Protein backbone atom coordinates (compact mmCIF):
# COMPACT_ATOMS: atom_id res chain seq x y z
CA MET A 1 -0.07 -0.09 -0.03
CA THR A 2 1.29 3.45 -0.95
CA ASN A 3 -0.06 5.22 2.26
CA GLN A 4 2.26 5.13 5.42
CA ILE A 5 0.23 4.34 8.20
CA ASN A 6 1.73 5.19 11.61
CA LEU A 7 0.51 2.86 14.35
CA ASN A 8 3.05 3.93 16.81
CA SER A 9 2.52 7.75 17.12
CA ASN A 10 3.43 9.51 20.33
CA GLN A 11 0.08 11.58 19.65
CA ASP A 12 -3.18 10.77 21.25
CA TRP A 13 -5.85 9.86 18.65
CA ASP A 14 -7.82 13.24 18.01
CA GLY A 15 -10.19 11.42 15.84
CA GLY A 16 -9.54 13.54 12.65
CA ARG A 17 -11.17 16.52 14.33
CA THR A 18 -9.62 19.16 12.07
CA ALA A 19 -10.59 17.64 9.03
CA ARG A 20 -14.07 16.85 10.49
CA ARG A 21 -14.41 20.57 11.43
CA ASP A 22 -13.89 21.34 7.73
CA TRP A 23 -16.27 18.84 6.75
CA ILE A 24 -18.81 20.44 8.92
CA ARG A 25 -18.09 23.74 8.01
CA LEU A 26 -18.91 22.56 4.27
CA ALA A 27 -22.04 20.98 5.53
CA GLY A 28 -23.18 24.38 6.97
CA ALA A 29 -22.47 26.26 4.11
CA ALA A 30 -24.26 24.01 1.85
CA SER A 31 -27.52 24.05 4.04
CA ALA A 32 -27.37 27.56 3.95
CA GLY A 33 -28.15 27.49 0.59
CA ALA A 34 -31.14 25.06 1.32
CA ILE A 35 -32.51 27.19 4.31
CA PHE A 36 -32.33 30.32 1.88
CA TYR A 37 -34.66 28.31 -0.36
CA LEU A 38 -36.95 27.07 2.08
CA LEU A 39 -37.30 30.51 3.52
CA THR A 40 -37.83 32.59 0.25
CA GLY A 41 -38.78 29.87 -2.18
CA ASP A 42 -36.26 31.27 -4.65
CA PRO A 43 -34.24 28.66 -6.17
CA LYS A 44 -31.85 30.86 -8.45
CA ARG A 45 -29.31 31.04 -5.59
CA LEU A 46 -29.31 27.62 -4.74
CA HIS A 47 -29.14 26.61 -8.48
CA ALA A 48 -26.53 29.18 -9.41
CA GLN A 49 -24.12 27.68 -6.86
CA SER A 50 -25.05 23.64 -7.66
CA LYS A 51 -22.03 22.78 -9.53
CA GLU A 52 -19.68 24.42 -7.12
CA GLY A 53 -21.73 23.15 -3.98
CA ASP A 54 -21.51 19.68 -5.28
CA ILE A 55 -17.84 19.79 -6.20
CA GLY A 56 -17.33 20.97 -2.39
CA ILE A 57 -19.56 18.10 -1.14
CA LEU A 58 -17.77 15.62 -3.28
CA THR A 59 -14.16 16.85 -2.27
CA ALA A 60 -14.80 16.69 1.32
CA ALA A 61 -16.55 13.00 0.80
CA LEU A 62 -13.42 11.96 -1.13
CA TRP A 63 -11.23 12.98 1.91
CA LEU A 64 -13.52 10.91 4.37
CA GLU A 65 -13.25 7.85 2.12
CA GLN A 66 -9.36 8.23 1.68
CA GLU A 67 -9.27 8.51 5.51
CA ALA A 68 -11.51 5.39 5.76
CA VAL A 69 -9.40 3.29 3.22
CA ALA A 70 -6.33 4.23 5.52
CA ALA A 71 -8.14 3.54 8.75
CA TYR A 72 -8.93 -0.28 7.63
CA GLN A 73 -5.53 -0.55 6.15
CA ALA A 74 -4.29 0.41 9.71
CA GLY A 75 -6.22 -2.09 11.47
CA ALA A 76 -5.22 -4.85 8.76
CA GLU A 77 -1.68 -4.29 9.17
CA SER A 78 -1.71 -4.06 12.89
CA LYS A 79 -2.21 -7.92 13.12
CA LEU A 80 -4.80 -7.41 16.15
CA LEU A 81 -7.65 -8.63 14.20
CA SER A 82 -9.31 -11.73 14.58
CA SER A 83 -9.69 -13.66 10.88
CA GLY A 84 -13.43 -12.95 10.77
CA VAL A 85 -13.07 -9.45 11.70
CA LEU A 86 -10.16 -8.91 9.22
CA LYS A 87 -12.21 -10.39 6.54
CA ALA A 88 -14.98 -8.05 7.29
CA ALA A 89 -12.35 -5.06 7.72
CA VAL A 90 -10.96 -5.98 3.91
CA ALA A 91 -14.49 -6.20 2.58
CA PHE A 92 -15.38 -2.59 4.23
CA GLN A 93 -12.23 -1.11 2.80
CA SER A 94 -12.94 -2.50 -0.57
CA ASP A 95 -16.28 -0.67 -0.34
CA HIS A 96 -14.45 2.77 0.59
CA LYS A 97 -12.19 2.08 -2.26
CA TYR A 98 -14.94 1.91 -4.67
CA HIS A 99 -16.54 4.89 -3.24
CA ARG A 100 -13.27 6.84 -3.46
CA ASP A 101 -12.76 5.62 -7.08
CA GLY A 102 -16.42 6.71 -7.79
CA ILE A 103 -16.33 9.99 -6.19
CA SER A 104 -13.14 10.79 -8.11
CA GLY A 105 -14.68 9.65 -11.61
CA VAL A 106 -17.45 12.45 -10.83
CA LEU A 107 -14.83 15.03 -9.87
CA LYS A 108 -13.20 14.50 -13.13
CA SER A 109 -16.16 14.45 -15.11
CA LEU A 110 -16.78 17.95 -13.64
CA SER A 111 -13.33 19.17 -14.61
CA VAL A 112 -11.93 18.78 -11.47
CA GLU A 113 -8.52 16.94 -10.53
CA PRO A 114 -9.27 15.10 -7.17
CA ALA A 115 -6.97 15.38 -4.54
CA GLY A 116 -4.85 12.27 -3.41
CA PRO A 117 -4.97 10.84 -0.07
CA GLU A 118 -2.86 12.32 3.02
CA LYS A 119 0.77 10.97 3.08
CA LYS A 120 0.31 10.09 6.65
CA TYR A 121 -2.75 9.34 9.02
CA ASP A 122 -2.38 9.53 12.60
CA PHE A 123 -5.05 6.95 14.16
CA GLY A 124 -3.26 7.10 17.43
CA HIS A 125 -2.41 4.10 19.61
CA LEU A 126 -4.35 1.05 18.65
CA HIS A 127 -3.53 -1.64 21.05
CA SER A 128 -6.61 -4.12 20.33
CA GLU A 129 -9.04 -5.51 18.13
CA ASN A 130 -11.79 -3.34 20.18
CA ASP A 131 -9.60 -0.14 19.65
CA ILE A 132 -9.68 -0.80 15.72
CA LEU A 133 -13.31 -1.63 15.98
CA ARG A 134 -14.08 1.60 17.75
CA LEU A 135 -12.10 3.54 15.31
CA ALA A 136 -13.73 2.05 12.33
CA LEU A 137 -17.10 2.78 13.84
CA ASP A 138 -16.18 6.37 14.34
CA ARG A 139 -15.34 6.71 10.93
CA GLU A 140 -18.48 4.92 9.56
CA GLN A 141 -20.85 6.90 12.01
CA GLY A 142 -19.12 10.39 10.88
CA ALA A 143 -19.58 9.26 7.11
CA VAL A 144 -23.21 8.27 7.88
CA GLN A 145 -23.89 11.94 9.55
CA ALA A 146 -22.24 13.37 6.72
CA TYR A 147 -23.55 11.70 3.72
CA GLY A 148 -27.07 12.17 5.44
CA THR A 149 -26.84 15.62 6.18
CA LEU A 150 -25.30 16.50 2.72
CA ALA A 151 -27.69 14.54 0.63
CA SER A 152 -30.44 16.97 0.60
CA ASN A 153 -27.86 19.47 -0.82
CA ILE A 154 -26.69 17.73 -3.76
CA LEU A 155 -28.16 19.06 -7.15
CA THR A 156 -26.98 16.89 -9.51
CA ARG A 157 -28.70 13.63 -10.09
CA PRO A 158 -25.77 11.37 -10.74
CA VAL A 159 -23.96 12.76 -7.82
CA LEU A 160 -27.07 12.12 -5.65
CA ASN A 161 -27.85 8.58 -6.78
CA PHE A 162 -23.85 7.88 -6.01
CA GLY A 163 -24.10 9.56 -2.58
CA ALA A 164 -27.55 7.32 -1.87
CA ASN A 165 -25.60 4.14 -2.58
CA VAL A 166 -22.77 5.37 -0.66
CA LEU A 167 -24.81 6.04 2.38
CA ALA A 168 -26.40 2.83 2.06
CA ASP A 169 -23.05 1.26 2.54
CA GLU A 170 -22.00 3.22 5.38
CA VAL A 171 -25.09 2.35 7.19
CA ARG A 172 -24.61 -1.20 6.87
CA HIS A 173 -21.02 -0.69 7.82
CA VAL A 174 -22.29 0.91 10.91
CA THR A 175 -24.71 -1.84 11.71
CA VAL A 176 -22.16 -4.69 11.64
CA LEU A 177 -19.54 -2.83 13.61
CA LYS A 178 -22.07 -2.01 16.17
CA SER A 179 -23.22 -5.81 16.38
CA VAL A 180 -19.69 -6.92 16.76
CA LEU A 181 -19.08 -4.20 19.47
CA GLY A 182 -22.36 -5.36 21.35
CA LEU A 183 -23.87 -1.94 21.04
CA PRO A 184 -27.42 -1.64 20.26
CA ASN A 185 -28.50 -0.67 16.48
CA TYR A 186 -31.11 1.74 17.30
C-alpha cells in the first residue's frame, strides 16, 4: 500500500477533528443555501451554486473515503484482528475504495482533478481489536452523518444517486460494527 500508516505515534488519537471541522463547515455552507430556498422559495441562488456546491461536497466526501481506506489498512496491518473481523475489514475497505474511485470519477467528469490521500494518517494508539473496531465505527458513523446531512444539498442527479448508494453502504458498515461491539443498533 502506498499510504504510510503510523500506528506507533506519540500523539493521542484526535479522531481527525481538524478535517471533520472542515467537513462540518462545508455542510453548514451547503445547508445555508437550502435554508435560503426554504425561507424565500427562490431557487435561483441555490441552483446557481449547484455545480460548485456539489464539487465542494464531493471533495469533502473524497477526503472521508481516503481516510476510511487508510483506517482499514491500519487495522489490517496491525495484526490485532481475528480472521473474521479481518475479512469484514477488508470487505469494508473495498467498499471505501469503490466510493473513493467513484467520487474521483465524478470530480474528473466535472473537470476537477481530485486530491490524493494524505501522506500519513495518525490513528493514535491501536492496541487491541476493540480499539480498531471503535476507530472504524467512529469513521463510519461520521460518514453516515455527513452523507445524510449533505444528501439534501446535492443538486446533480448522478451525484445524488451515487451518494445515496454510498450512504447505504455506510449504514450497513455501522450496523455490522455495532453488532460486533455488542452495541444497540437503534
